[in-house]
């Protein structure tokens, strides 16, 4: 992930003091909006702010869903602009694919790092 810098300004919130991040930060990193966190003081002029965003159950990582969406958009655009139009997937194509994949073992790991079931 590329490093980005965002301006932080002091803010008084009720009787407490806080830090205000710019709207650009939350626009670029929406996973941190409303997320709790903690601060670790590293030296007299340096601190580490760590957010703890909650993951939505069943949510895909953003990069994977973005790439899948872009790939599907490309396929749709190519299918619609092809001279012959979309080509239906036939039983003959399926048989050819099965022949190509004969003997290939597919690793279907449910979680990262878990061994595949045989």
PDB file of N, CA and C in Angstrom:
ATOM      1  N   UNK A   1       0.842  -1.175   0.000  1.00  0.00           N
ATOM      2  CA  UNK A   1       0.000   0.000   0.000  1.00  0.00           C
ATOM      3  C   UNK A   1       0.886   1.237   0.000  1.00  0.00           C
ATOM      4  N   UNK A   2       0.574   2.182  -0.864  1.00  0.00           N
ATOM      5  CA  UNK A   2       1.345   3.412  -0.959  1.00  0.00           C
ATOM      6  C   UNK A   2       1.112   4.279   0.273  1.00  0.00           C
ATOM      7  N   UNK A   3       2.153   4.953   0.707  1.00  0.00           N
ATOM      8  CA  UNK A   3       2.063   5.828   1.867  1.00  0.00           C
ATOM      9  C   UNK A   3       1.417   7.146   1.465  1.00  0.00           C
ATOM     10  N   UNK A   4       0.483   7.609   2.272  1.00  0.00           N
ATOM     11  CA  UNK A   4      -0.182   8.895   2.039  1.00  0.00           C
ATOM     12  C   UNK A   4      -0.131   9.698   3.325  1.00  0.00           C
ATOM     13  N   UNK A   5      -0.052  11.008   3.186  1.00  0.00           N
ATOM     14  CA  UNK A   5      -0.039  11.884   4.355  1.00  0.00           C
ATOM     15  C   UNK A   5      -1.317  12.708   4.365  1.00  0.00           C
ATOM     16  N   UNK A   6      -1.905  12.872   5.555  1.00  0.00           N
ATOM     17  CA  UNK A   6      -3.113  13.645   5.732  1.00  0.00           C
ATOM     18  C   UNK A   6      -2.916  14.603   6.895  1.00  0.00           C
ATOM     19  N   UNK A   7      -3.477  15.778   6.773  1.00  0.00           N
ATOM     20  CA  UNK A   7      -3.352  16.795   7.807  1.00  0.00           C
ATOM     21  C   UNK A   7      -4.253  16.443   8.984  1.00  0.00           C
ATOM     22  N   UNK A   8      -3.736  16.620  10.203  1.00  0.00           N
ATOM     23  CA  UNK A   8      -4.482  16.404  11.433  1.00  0.00           C
ATOM     24  C   UNK A   8      -4.499  17.725  12.182  1.00  0.00           C
ATOM     25  N   UNK A   9      -5.678  18.124  12.680  1.00  0.00           N
ATOM     26  CA  UNK A   9      -5.777  19.361  13.447  1.00  0.00           C
ATOM     27  C   UNK A   9      -6.366  19.049  14.820  1.00  0.00           C
ATOM     28  N   UNK A  10      -5.959  19.814  15.837  1.00  0.00           N
ATOM     29  CA  UNK A  10      -6.512  19.583  17.174  1.00  0.00           C
ATOM     30  C   UNK A  10      -7.982  20.020  17.213  1.00  0.00           C
ATOM     31  N   UNK A  11      -8.766  19.349  18.035  1.00  0.00           N
ATOM     32  CA  UNK A  11     -10.175  19.681  18.174  1.00  0.00           C
ATOM     33  C   UNK A  11     -10.607  19.417  19.605  1.00  0.00           C
ATOM     34  N   UNK A  12     -11.451  20.316  20.157  1.00  0.00           N
ATOM     35  CA  UNK A  12     -12.008  20.080  21.480  1.00  0.00           C
ATOM     36  C   UNK A  12     -13.399  19.508  21.280  1.00  0.00           C
ATOM     37  N   UNK A  13     -13.642  18.366  21.907  1.00  0.00           N
ATOM     38  CA  UNK A  13     -14.921  17.676  21.787  1.00  0.00           C
ATOM     39  C   UNK A  13     -15.476  17.558  23.201  1.00  0.00           C
ATOM     40  N   UNK A  14     -16.421  18.426  23.545  1.00  0.00           N
ATOM     41  CA  UNK A  14     -16.914  18.466  24.928  1.00  0.00           C
ATOM     42  C   UNK A  14     -15.796  18.876  25.848  1.00  0.00           C
ATOM     43  N   UNK A  15     -15.556  18.084  26.880  1.00  0.00           N
ATOM     44  CA  UNK A  15     -14.472  18.354  27.826  1.00  0.00           C
ATOM     45  C   UNK A  15     -13.188  17.635  27.435  1.00  0.00           C
ATOM     46  N   UNK A  16     -13.212  16.925  26.311  1.00  0.00           N
ATOM     47  CA  UNK A  16     -12.048  16.160  25.867  1.00  0.00           C
ATOM     48  C   UNK A  16     -11.377  16.853  24.691  1.00  0.00           C
ATOM     49  N   UNK A  17     -10.139  16.491  24.471  1.00  0.00           N
ATOM     50  CA  UNK A  17      -9.403  16.984  23.318  1.00  0.00           C
ATOM     51  C   UNK A  17      -9.221  15.827  22.340  1.00  0.00           C
ATOM     52  N   UNK A  18      -9.239  16.141  21.065  1.00  0.00           N
ATOM     53  CA  UNK A  18      -9.104  15.094  20.064  1.00  0.00           C
ATOM     54  C   UNK A  18      -8.337  15.583  18.859  1.00  0.00           C
ATOM     55  N   UNK A  19      -8.279  14.740  17.876  1.00  0.00           N
ATOM     56  CA  UNK A  19      -7.623  15.058  16.611  1.00  0.00           C
ATOM     57  C   UNK A  19      -8.659  14.933  15.505  1.00  0.00           C
ATOM     58  N   UNK A  20      -8.657  15.883  14.616  1.00  0.00           N
ATOM     59  CA  UNK A  20      -9.593  15.878  13.492  1.00  0.00           C
ATOM     60  C   UNK A  20      -8.815  15.555  12.218  1.00  0.00           C
ATOM     61  N   UNK A  21      -9.270  14.539  11.511  1.00  0.00           N
ATOM     62  CA  UNK A  21      -8.683  14.164  10.225  1.00  0.00           C
ATOM     63  C   UNK A  21      -9.513  14.790   9.109  1.00  0.00           C
ATOM     64  N   UNK A  22      -8.877  15.057   7.996  1.00  0.00           N
ATOM     65  CA  UNK A  22      -9.576  15.675   6.874  1.00  0.00           C
ATOM     66  C   UNK A  22     -10.573  14.707   6.240  1.00  0.00           C
ATOM     67  N   UNK A  23     -11.537  15.270   5.519  1.00  0.00           N
ATOM     68  CA  UNK A  23     -12.519  14.454   4.802  1.00  0.00           C
ATOM     69  C   UNK A  23     -11.835  13.588   3.749  1.00  0.00           C
ATOM     70  N   UNK A  24     -10.729  14.062   3.191  1.00  0.00           N
ATOM     71  CA  UNK A  24      -9.993  13.293   2.173  1.00  0.00           C
ATOM     72  C   UNK A  24      -9.509  11.959   2.740  1.00  0.00           C
ATOM     73  N   UNK A  25      -9.115  11.956   4.016  1.00  0.00           N
ATOM     74  CA  UNK A  25      -8.663  10.713   4.639  1.00  0.00           C
ATOM     75  C   UNK A  25      -9.778   9.672   4.629  1.00  0.00           C
ATOM     76  N   UNK A  26     -10.980  10.087   5.062  1.00  0.00           N
ATOM     77  CA  UNK A  26     -12.100   9.140   5.130  1.00  0.00           C
ATOM     78  C   UNK A  26     -12.635   8.787   3.746  1.00  0.00           C
ATOM     79  N   UNK A  27     -12.471   9.667   2.794  1.00  0.00           N
ATOM     80  CA  UNK A  27     -12.863   9.357   1.417  1.00  0.00           C
ATOM     81  C   UNK A  27     -11.922   8.301   0.830  1.00  0.00           C
ATOM     82  N   UNK A  28     -10.628   8.431   1.119  1.00  0.00           N
ATOM     83  CA  UNK A  28      -9.635   7.476   0.619  1.00  0.00           C
ATOM     84  C   UNK A  28      -9.637   6.166   1.407  1.00  0.00           C
ATOM     85  N   UNK A  29     -10.046   6.221   2.675  1.00  0.00           N
ATOM     86  CA  UNK A  29     -10.000   5.046   3.549  1.00  0.00           C
ATOM     87  C   UNK A  29     -11.316   4.922   4.328  1.00  0.00           C
ATOM     88  N   UNK A  30     -12.414   4.600   3.662  1.00  0.00           N
ATOM     89  CA  UNK A  30     -13.720   4.563   4.344  1.00  0.00           C
ATOM     90  C   UNK A  30     -13.814   3.498   5.437  1.00  0.00           C
ATOM     91  N   UNK A  31     -12.945   2.498   5.426  1.00  0.00           N
ATOM     92  CA  UNK A  31     -12.989   1.454   6.449  1.00  0.00           C
ATOM     93  C   UNK A  31     -12.700   1.998   7.843  1.00  0.00           C
ATOM     94  N   UNK A  32     -12.092   3.188   7.936  1.00  0.00           N
ATOM     95  CA  UNK A  32     -11.753   3.757   9.231  1.00  0.00           C
ATOM     96  C   UNK A  32     -12.825   4.694   9.777  1.00  0.00           C
ATOM     97  N   UNK A  33     -13.836   5.013   8.989  1.00  0.00           N
ATOM     98  CA  UNK A  33     -14.884   5.940   9.428  1.00  0.00           C
ATOM     99  C   UNK A  33     -15.637   5.324  10.601  1.00  0.00           C
ATOM    100  N   UNK A  34     -15.607   6.002  11.737  1.00  0.00           N
ATOM    101  CA  UNK A  34     -16.298   5.532  12.931  1.00  0.00           C
ATOM    102  C   UNK A  34     -15.601   4.391  13.661  1.00  0.00           C
ATOM    103  N   UNK A  35     -14.410   4.023  13.219  1.00  0.00           N
ATOM    104  CA  UNK A  35     -13.693   2.901  13.847  1.00  0.00           C
ATOM    105  C   UNK A  35     -13.012   3.362  15.128  1.00  0.00           C
ATOM    106  N   UNK A  36     -13.082   2.563  16.187  1.00  0.00           N
ATOM    107  CA  UNK A  36     -12.341   2.904  17.403  1.00  0.00           C
ATOM    108  C   UNK A  36     -10.861   2.614  17.190  1.00  0.00           C
ATOM    109  N   UNK A  37     -10.052   3.056  18.103  1.00  0.00           N
ATOM    110  CA  UNK A  37      -8.624   2.802  17.961  1.00  0.00           C
ATOM    111  C   UNK A  37      -7.885   3.122  19.237  1.00  0.00           C
ATOM    112  N   UNK A  38      -6.581   3.202  19.115  1.00  0.00           N
ATOM    113  CA  UNK A  38      -5.732   3.514  20.262  1.00  0.00           C
ATOM    114  C   UNK A  38      -4.499   4.272  19.795  1.00  0.00           C
ATOM    115  N   UNK A  39      -3.909   4.987  20.731  1.00  0.00           N
ATOM    116  CA  UNK A  39      -2.717   5.785  20.445  1.00  0.00           C
ATOM    117  C   UNK A  39      -1.570   5.247  21.280  1.00  0.00           C
ATOM    118  N   UNK A  40      -0.395   5.133  20.653  1.00  0.00           N
ATOM    119  CA  UNK A  40       0.823   4.736  21.359  1.00  0.00           C
ATOM    120  C   UNK A  40       1.829   5.860  21.187  1.00  0.00           C
ATOM    121  N   UNK A  41       2.327   6.399  22.291  1.00  0.00           N
ATOM    122  CA  UNK A  41       3.314   7.473  22.240  1.00  0.00           C
ATOM    123  C   UNK A  41       4.678   6.834  22.052  1.00  0.00           C
ATOM    124  N   UNK A  42       5.356   7.205  20.952  1.00  0.00           N
ATOM    125  CA  UNK A  42       6.663   6.639  20.631  1.00  0.00           C
ATOM    126  C   UNK A  42       7.803   7.513  21.135  1.00  0.00           C
ATOM    127  N   UNK A  43       7.609   8.840  21.122  1.00  0.00           N
ATOM    128  CA  UNK A  43       8.599   9.778  21.642  1.00  0.00           C
ATOM    129  C   UNK A  43       7.867  11.081  21.953  1.00  0.00           C
ATOM    130  N   UNK A  44       8.604  12.120  22.352  1.00  0.00           N
ATOM    131  CA  UNK A  44       7.970  13.395  22.705  1.00  0.00           C
ATOM    132  C   UNK A  44       7.217  14.044  21.549  1.00  0.00           C
ATOM    133  N   UNK A  45       7.588  13.750  20.312  1.00  0.00           N
ATOM    134  CA  UNK A  45       6.902  14.370  19.178  1.00  0.00           C
ATOM    135  C   UNK A  45       6.353  13.345  18.176  1.00  0.00           C
ATOM    136  N   UNK A  46       6.239  12.087  18.583  1.00  0.00           N
ATOM    137  CA  UNK A  46       5.775  11.051  17.659  1.00  0.00           C
ATOM    138  C   UNK A  46       4.796  10.119  18.359  1.00  0.00           C
ATOM    139  N   UNK A  47       3.688   9.855  17.682  1.00  0.00           N
ATOM    140  CA  UNK A  47       2.737   8.883  18.202  1.00  0.00           C
ATOM    141  C   UNK A  47       2.234   8.017  17.058  1.00  0.00           C
ATOM    142  N   UNK A  48       1.757   6.850  17.413  1.00  0.00           N
ATOM    143  CA  UNK A  48       1.218   5.915  16.441  1.00  0.00           C
ATOM    144  C   UNK A  48      -0.272   5.802  16.719  1.00  0.00           C
ATOM    145  N   UNK A  49      -1.092   6.084  15.720  1.00  0.00           N
ATOM    146  CA  UNK A  49      -2.544   5.982  15.836  1.00  0.00           C
ATOM    147  C   UNK A  49      -2.968   4.730  15.092  1.00  0.00           C
ATOM    148  N   UNK A  50      -3.599   3.807  15.793  1.00  0.00           N
ATOM    149  CA  UNK A  50      -3.995   2.536  15.188  1.00  0.00           C
ATOM    150  C   UNK A  50      -5.516   2.430  15.255  1.00  0.00           C
ATOM    151  N   UNK A  51      -6.147   2.365  14.077  1.00  0.00           N
ATOM    152  CA  UNK A  51      -7.591   2.163  14.001  1.00  0.00           C
ATOM    153  C   UNK A  51      -7.886   0.675  14.032  1.00  0.00           C
ATOM    154  N   UNK A  52      -9.048   0.327  14.517  1.00  0.00           N
ATOM    155  CA  UNK A  52      -9.492  -1.064  14.565  1.00  0.00           C
ATOM    156  C   UNK A  52     -10.814  -1.191  13.823  1.00  0.00           C
ATOM    157  N   UNK A  53     -10.769  -1.167  12.475  1.00  0.00           N
ATOM    158  CA  UNK A  53     -12.025  -1.252  11.726  1.00  0.00           C
ATOM    159  C   UNK A  53     -12.655  -2.626  11.892  1.00  0.00           C
ATOM    160  N   UNK A  54     -13.961  -2.650  11.980  1.00  0.00           N
ATOM    161  CA  UNK A  54     -14.648  -3.937  12.081  1.00  0.00           C
ATOM    162  C   UNK A  54     -14.945  -4.428  10.677  1.00  0.00           C
ATOM    163  N   UNK A  55     -14.694  -5.687  10.451  1.00  0.00           N
ATOM    164  CA  UNK A  55     -14.956  -6.290   9.144  1.00  0.00           C
ATOM    165  C   UNK A  55     -16.419  -6.692   9.085  1.00  0.00           C
ATOM    166  N   UNK A  56     -17.044  -6.428   7.963  1.00  0.00           N
ATOM    167  CA  UNK A  56     -18.414  -6.905   7.772  1.00  0.00           C
ATOM    168  C   UNK A  56     -18.347  -8.400   7.514  1.00  0.00           C
ATOM    169  N   UNK A  57     -19.219  -9.194   8.154  1.00  0.00           N
ATOM    170  CA  UNK A  57     -19.185 -10.635   7.908  1.00  0.00           C
ATOM    171  C   UNK A  57     -19.484 -10.938   6.445  1.00  0.00           C
ATOM    172  N   UNK A  58     -18.666 -11.786   5.845  1.00  0.00           N
ATOM    173  CA  UNK A  58     -18.872 -12.195   4.461  1.00  0.00           C
ATOM    174  C   UNK A  58     -18.416 -11.176   3.436  1.00  0.00           C
ATOM    175  N   UNK A  59     -17.798 -10.091   3.878  1.00  0.00           N
ATOM    176  CA  UNK A  59     -17.348  -9.071   2.935  1.00  0.00           C
ATOM    177  C   UNK A  59     -16.063  -9.522   2.249  1.00  0.00           C
ATOM    178  N   UNK A  60     -15.971  -9.254   0.959  1.00  0.00           N
ATOM    179  CA  UNK A  60     -14.754  -9.576   0.209  1.00  0.00           C
ATOM    180  C   UNK A  60     -13.737  -8.470   0.413  1.00  0.00           C
ATOM    181  N   UNK A  61     -12.477  -8.785   0.364  1.00  0.00           N
ATOM    182  CA  UNK A  61     -11.493  -7.714   0.370  1.00  0.00           C
ATOM    183  C   UNK A  61     -11.731  -6.792  -0.825  1.00  0.00           C
ATOM    184  N   UNK A  62     -11.566  -5.502  -0.605  1.00  0.00           N
ATOM    185  CA  UNK A  62     -11.901  -4.522  -1.636  1.00  0.00           C
ATOM    186  C   UNK A  62     -11.136  -4.744  -2.930  1.00  0.00           C
ATOM    187  N   UNK A  63      -9.852  -5.081  -2.841  1.00  0.00           N
ATOM    188  CA  UNK A  63      -9.051  -5.257  -4.046  1.00  0.00           C
ATOM    189  C   UNK A  63      -9.582  -6.392  -4.908  1.00  0.00           C
ATOM    190  N   UNK A  64      -9.970  -7.505  -4.279  1.00  0.00           N
ATOM    191  CA  UNK A  64     -10.456  -8.645  -5.041  1.00  0.00           C
ATOM    192  C   UNK A  64     -11.769  -8.326  -5.733  1.00  0.00           C
ATOM    193  N   UNK A  65     -12.709  -7.695  -5.024  1.00  0.00           N
ATOM    194  CA  UNK A  65     -13.995  -7.397  -5.640  1.00  0.00           C
ATOM    195  C   UNK A  65     -13.835  -6.333  -6.725  1.00  0.00           C
ATOM    196  N   UNK A  66     -12.932  -5.387  -6.538  1.00  0.00           N
ATOM    197  CA  UNK A  66     -12.671  -4.376  -7.547  1.00  0.00           C
ATOM    198  C   UNK A  66     -12.105  -5.014  -8.811  1.00  0.00           C
ATOM    199  N   UNK A  67     -11.103  -5.881  -8.652  1.00  0.00           N
ATOM    200  CA  UNK A  67     -10.501  -6.535  -9.811  1.00  0.00           C
ATOM    201  C   UNK A  67     -11.499  -7.432 -10.528  1.00  0.00           C
ATOM    202  N   UNK A  68     -12.321  -8.165  -9.773  1.00  0.00           N
ATOM    203  CA  UNK A  68     -13.326  -9.019 -10.383  1.00  0.00           C
ATOM    204  C   UNK A  68     -14.324  -8.172 -11.158  1.00  0.00           C
ATOM    205  N   UNK A  69     -14.749  -7.063 -10.590  1.00  0.00           N
ATOM    206  CA  UNK A  69     -15.680  -6.169 -11.272  1.00  0.00           C
ATOM    207  C   UNK A  69     -15.098  -5.615 -12.561  1.00  0.00           C
ATOM    208  N   UNK A  70     -13.829  -5.198 -12.516  1.00  0.00           N
ATOM    209  CA  UNK A  70     -13.182  -4.673 -13.722  1.00  0.00           C
ATOM    210  C   UNK A  70     -13.050  -5.757 -14.795  1.00  0.00           C
ATOM    211  N   UNK A  71     -12.719  -6.982 -14.377  1.00  0.00           N
ATOM    212  CA  UNK A  71     -12.592  -8.087 -15.319  1.00  0.00           C
ATOM    213  C   UNK A  71     -13.945  -8.400 -15.960  1.00  0.00           C
ATOM    214  N   UNK A  72     -14.996  -8.459 -15.158  1.00  0.00           N
ATOM    215  CA  UNK A  72     -16.324  -8.741 -15.707  1.00  0.00           C
ATOM    216  C   UNK A  72     -16.800  -7.622 -16.625  1.00  0.00           C
ATOM    217  N   UNK A  73     -16.478  -6.384 -16.294  1.00  0.00           N
ATOM    218  CA  UNK A  73     -16.805  -5.257 -17.181  1.00  0.00           C
ATOM    219  C   UNK A  73     -16.109  -5.415 -18.532  1.00  0.00           C
ATOM    220  N   UNK A  74     -14.826  -5.813 -18.503  1.00  0.00           N
ATOM    221  CA  UNK A  74     -14.071  -6.023 -19.733  1.00  0.00           C
ATOM    222  C   UNK A  74     -14.713  -7.131 -20.571  1.00  0.00           C
ATOM    223  N   UNK A  75     -15.047  -8.245 -19.944  1.00  0.00           N
ATOM    224  CA  UNK A  75     -15.676  -9.354 -20.677  1.00  0.00           C
ATOM    225  C   UNK A  75     -17.005  -8.935 -21.292  1.00  0.00           C
ATOM    226  N   UNK A  76     -17.809  -8.219 -20.540  1.00  0.00           N
ATOM    227  CA  UNK A  76     -19.102  -7.764 -21.042  1.00  0.00           C
ATOM    228  C   UNK A  76     -18.921  -6.823 -22.222  1.00  0.00           C
ATOM    229  N   UNK A  77     -18.001  -5.884 -22.096  1.00  0.00           N
ATOM    230  CA  UNK A  77     -17.758  -4.920 -23.179  1.00  0.00           C
ATOM    231  C   UNK A  77     -17.289  -5.636 -24.437  1.00  0.00           C
ATOM    232  N   UNK A  78     -16.359  -6.598 -24.275  1.00  0.00           N
ATOM    233  CA  UNK A  78     -15.866  -7.336 -25.442  1.00  0.00           C
ATOM    234  C   UNK A  78     -16.958  -8.192 -26.071  1.00  0.00           C
ATOM    235  N   UNK A  79     -17.788  -8.810 -25.249  1.00  0.00           N
ATOM    236  CA  UNK A  79     -18.863  -9.651 -25.780  1.00  0.00           C
ATOM    237  C   UNK A  79     -19.886  -8.816 -26.546  1.00  0.00           C
ATOM    238  N   UNK A  80     -20.188  -7.641 -26.043  1.00  0.00           N
ATOM    239  CA  UNK A  80     -21.204  -6.800 -26.692  1.00  0.00           C
ATOM    240  C   UNK A  80     -20.683  -6.093 -27.936  1.00  0.00           C
ATOM    241  N   UNK A  81     -19.378  -5.863 -28.015  1.00  0.00           N
ATOM    242  CA  UNK A  81     -18.830  -5.151 -29.175  1.00  0.00           C
ATOM    243  C   UNK A  81     -18.240  -6.090 -30.221  1.00  0.00           C
ATOM    244  N   UNK A  82     -18.210  -7.393 -29.956  1.00  0.00           N
ATOM    245  CA  UNK A  82     -17.664  -8.350 -30.928  1.00  0.00           C
ATOM    246  C   UNK A  82     -18.563  -8.378 -32.164  1.00  0.00           C
ATOM    247  N   UNK A  83     -17.946  -8.568 -33.326  1.00  0.00           N
ATOM    248  CA  UNK A  83     -18.696  -8.571 -34.590  1.00  0.00           C
ATOM    249  C   UNK A  83     -19.784  -9.639 -34.598  1.00  0.00           C
ATOM    250  N   UNK A  84     -19.482 -10.820 -34.064  1.00  0.00           N
ATOM    251  CA  UNK A  84     -20.448 -11.915 -34.059  1.00  0.00           C
ATOM    252  C   UNK A  84     -21.376 -11.847 -32.845  1.00  0.00           C
ATOM    253  N   UNK A  85     -21.136 -10.932 -31.924  1.00  0.00           N
ATOM    254  CA  UNK A  85     -21.944 -10.849 -30.717  1.00  0.00           C
ATOM    255  C   UNK A  85     -21.515 -11.908 -29.715  1.00  0.00           C
ATOM    256  N   UNK A  86     -22.260 -12.036 -28.623  1.00  0.00           N
ATOM    257  CA  UNK A  86     -21.920 -13.045 -27.619  1.00  0.00           C
ATOM    258  C   UNK A  86     -22.026 -14.460 -28.200  1.00  0.00           C
ATOM    259  N   UNK A  87     -21.112 -15.331 -27.792  1.00  0.00           N
ATOM    260  CA  UNK A  87     -21.098 -16.717 -28.264  1.00  0.00           C
ATOM    261  C   UNK A  87     -21.623 -17.595 -27.138  1.00  0.00           C
ATOM    262  N   UNK A  88     -22.678 -18.378 -27.384  1.00  0.00           N
ATOM    263  CA  UNK A  88     -23.205 -19.242 -26.322  1.00  0.00           C
ATOM    264  C   UNK A  88     -22.220 -20.368 -25.984  1.00  0.00           C
ATOM    265  N   UNK A  89     -22.171 -20.727 -24.714  1.00  0.00           N
ATOM    266  CA  UNK A  89     -21.311 -21.809 -24.234  1.00  0.00           C
ATOM    267  C   UNK A  89     -22.037 -23.124 -24.515  1.00  0.00           C
ATOM    268  N   UNK A  90     -21.419 -23.981 -25.300  1.00  0.00           N
ATOM    269  CA  UNK A  90     -22.079 -25.205 -25.749  1.00  0.00           C
ATOM    270  C   UNK A  90     -21.584 -26.427 -24.993  1.00  0.00           C
ATOM    271  N   UNK A  91     -22.299 -27.540 -25.178  1.00  0.00           N
ATOM    272  CA  UNK A  91     -21.886 -28.818 -24.582  1.00  0.00           C
ATOM    273  C   UNK A  91     -20.529 -29.245 -25.136  1.00  0.00           C
ATOM    274  N   UNK A  92     -20.271 -28.965 -26.411  1.00  0.00           N
ATOM    275  CA  UNK A  92     -18.989 -29.320 -27.024  1.00  0.00           C
ATOM    276  C   UNK A  92     -17.849 -28.542 -26.362  1.00  0.00           C
ATOM    277  N   UNK A  93     -18.074 -27.264 -26.068  1.00  0.00           N
ATOM    278  CA  UNK A  93     -17.062 -26.454 -25.370  1.00  0.00           C
ATOM    279  C   UNK A  93     -16.824 -27.013 -23.973  1.00  0.00           C
ATOM    280  N   UNK A  94     -17.896 -27.400 -23.281  1.00  0.00           N
ATOM    281  CA  UNK A  94     -17.769 -27.950 -21.933  1.00  0.00           C
ATOM    282  C   UNK A  94     -16.970 -29.253 -21.965  1.00  0.00           C
ATOM    283  N   UNK A  95     -17.225 -30.095 -22.963  1.00  0.00           N
ATOM    284  CA  UNK A  95     -16.488 -31.363 -23.086  1.00  0.00           C
ATOM    285  C   UNK A  95     -15.012 -31.099 -23.345  1.00  0.00           C
ATOM    286  N   UNK A  96     -14.721 -30.101 -24.186  1.00  0.00           N
ATOM    287  CA  UNK A  96     -13.330 -29.740 -24.479  1.00  0.00           C
ATOM    288  C   UNK A  96     -12.634 -29.228 -23.214  1.00  0.00           C
ATOM    289  N   UNK A  97     -13.340 -28.413 -22.430  1.00  0.00           N
ATOM    290  CA  UNK A  97     -12.777 -27.912 -21.173  1.00  0.00           C
ATOM    291  C   UNK A  97     -12.514 -29.051 -20.202  1.00  0.00           C
ATOM    292  N   UNK A  98     -13.467 -29.986 -20.110  1.00  0.00           N
ATOM    293  CA  UNK A  98     -13.283 -31.142 -19.220  1.00  0.00           C
ATOM    294  C   UNK A  98     -12.058 -31.950 -19.621  1.00  0.00           C
ATOM    295  N   UNK A  99     -11.855 -32.102 -20.933  1.00  0.00           N
ATOM    296  CA  UNK A  99     -10.701 -32.856 -21.440  1.00  0.00           C
ATOM    297  C   UNK A  99      -9.395 -32.142 -21.071  1.00  0.00           C
ATOM    298  N   UNK A 100      -9.386 -30.809 -21.208  1.00  0.00           N
ATOM    299  CA  UNK A 100      -8.189 -30.037 -20.870  1.00  0.00           C
ATOM    300  C   UNK A 100      -7.864 -30.112 -19.375  1.00  0.00           C
ATOM    301  N   UNK A 101      -8.900 -30.189 -18.552  1.00  0.00           N
ATOM    302  CA  UNK A 101      -8.701 -30.173 -17.102  1.00  0.00           C
ATOM    303  C   UNK A 101      -8.602 -31.565 -16.492  1.00  0.00           C
ATOM    304  N   UNK A 102      -8.676 -32.597 -17.291  1.00  0.00           N
ATOM    305  CA  UNK A 102      -8.595 -33.967 -16.772  1.00  0.00           C
ATOM    306  C   UNK A 102      -7.262 -34.167 -16.056  1.00  0.00           C
ATOM    307  N   UNK A 103      -7.321 -34.675 -14.832  1.00  0.00           N
ATOM    308  CA  UNK A 103      -6.117 -34.938 -14.055  1.00  0.00           C
ATOM    309  C   UNK A 103      -5.581 -33.744 -13.281  1.00  0.00           C
ATOM    310  N   UNK A 104      -6.189 -32.577 -13.443  1.00  0.00           N
ATOM    311  CA  UNK A 104      -5.748 -31.381 -12.720  1.00  0.00           C
ATOM    312  C   UNK A 104      -6.403 -31.365 -11.343  1.00  0.00           C
ATOM    313  N   UNK A 105      -5.592 -31.216 -10.307  1.00  0.00           N
ATOM    314  CA  UNK A 105      -6.119 -31.126  -8.943  1.00  0.00           C
ATOM    315  C   UNK A 105      -6.263 -29.656  -8.582  1.00  0.00           C
ATOM    316  N   UNK A 106      -7.472 -29.279  -8.171  1.00  0.00           N
ATOM    317  CA  UNK A 106      -7.744 -27.891  -7.796  1.00  0.00           C
ATOM    318  C   UNK A 106      -7.709 -27.781  -6.283  1.00  0.00           C
ATOM    319  N   UNK A 107      -6.931 -26.840  -5.787  1.00  0.00           N
ATOM    320  CA  UNK A 107      -6.818 -26.605  -4.357  1.00  0.00           C
ATOM    321  C   UNK A 107      -7.972 -25.711  -3.934  1.00  0.00           C
ATOM    322  N   UNK A 108      -8.886 -26.240  -3.143  1.00  0.00           N
ATOM    323  CA  UNK A 108     -10.055 -25.480  -2.705  1.00  0.00           C
ATOM    324  C   UNK A 108      -9.959 -25.202  -1.219  1.00  0.00           C
ATOM    325  N   UNK A 109      -9.033 -24.332  -0.848  1.00  0.00           N
ATOM    326  CA  UNK A 109      -8.838 -23.996   0.560  1.00  0.00           C
ATOM    327  C   UNK A 109      -9.961 -23.079   1.016  1.00  0.00           C
ATOM    328  N   UNK A 110     -10.594 -23.433   2.123  1.00  0.00           N
ATOM    329  CA  UNK A 110     -11.667 -22.612   2.681  1.00  0.00           C
ATOM    330  C   UNK A 110     -11.094 -21.363   3.342  1.00  0.00           C
ATOM    331  N   UNK A 111      -9.979 -21.535   4.061  1.00  0.00           N
ATOM    332  CA  UNK A 111      -9.326 -20.398   4.700  1.00  0.00           C
ATOM    333  C   UNK A 111      -7.864 -20.400   4.320  1.00  0.00           C
ATOM    334  N   UNK A 112      -7.284 -19.235   4.309  1.00  0.00           N
ATOM    335  CA  UNK A 112      -5.884 -19.121   3.931  1.00  0.00           C
ATOM    336  C   UNK A 112      -5.039 -19.903   4.917  1.00  0.00           C
ATOM    337  N   UNK A 113      -4.170 -20.734   4.392  1.00  0.00           N
ATOM    338  CA  UNK A 113      -3.257 -21.496   5.218  1.00  0.00           C
ATOM    339  C   UNK A 113      -3.787 -22.857   5.656  1.00  0.00           C
ATOM    340  N   UNK A 114      -5.081 -23.111   5.427  1.00  0.00           N
ATOM    341  CA  UNK A 114      -5.637 -24.403   5.830  1.00  0.00           C
ATOM    342  C   UNK A 114      -5.319 -25.434   4.745  1.00  0.00           C
ATOM    343  N   UNK A 115      -4.993 -26.668   5.139  1.00  0.00           N
ATOM    344  CA  UNK A 115      -4.705 -27.682   4.125  1.00  0.00           C
ATOM    345  C   UNK A 115      -5.969 -28.063   3.363  1.00  0.00           C
ATOM    346  N   UNK A 116      -5.806 -28.360   2.077  1.00  0.00           N
ATOM    347  CA  UNK A 116      -6.947 -28.760   1.252  1.00  0.00           C
ATOM    348  C   UNK A 116      -7.359 -30.169   1.618  1.00  0.00           C
ATOM    349  N   UNK A 117      -8.675 -30.412   1.567  1.00  0.00           N
ATOM    350  CA  UNK A 117      -9.187 -31.758   1.842  1.00  0.00           C
ATOM    351  C   UNK A 117      -9.030 -32.607   0.622  1.00  0.00           C
ATOM    352  N   UNK A 118      -8.641 -33.854   0.809  1.00  0.00           N
ATOM    353  CA  UNK A 118      -8.434 -34.774  -0.313  1.00  0.00           C
ATOM    354  C   UNK A 118      -9.701 -35.533  -0.590  1.00  0.00           C
TER     355      UNK A 118
END
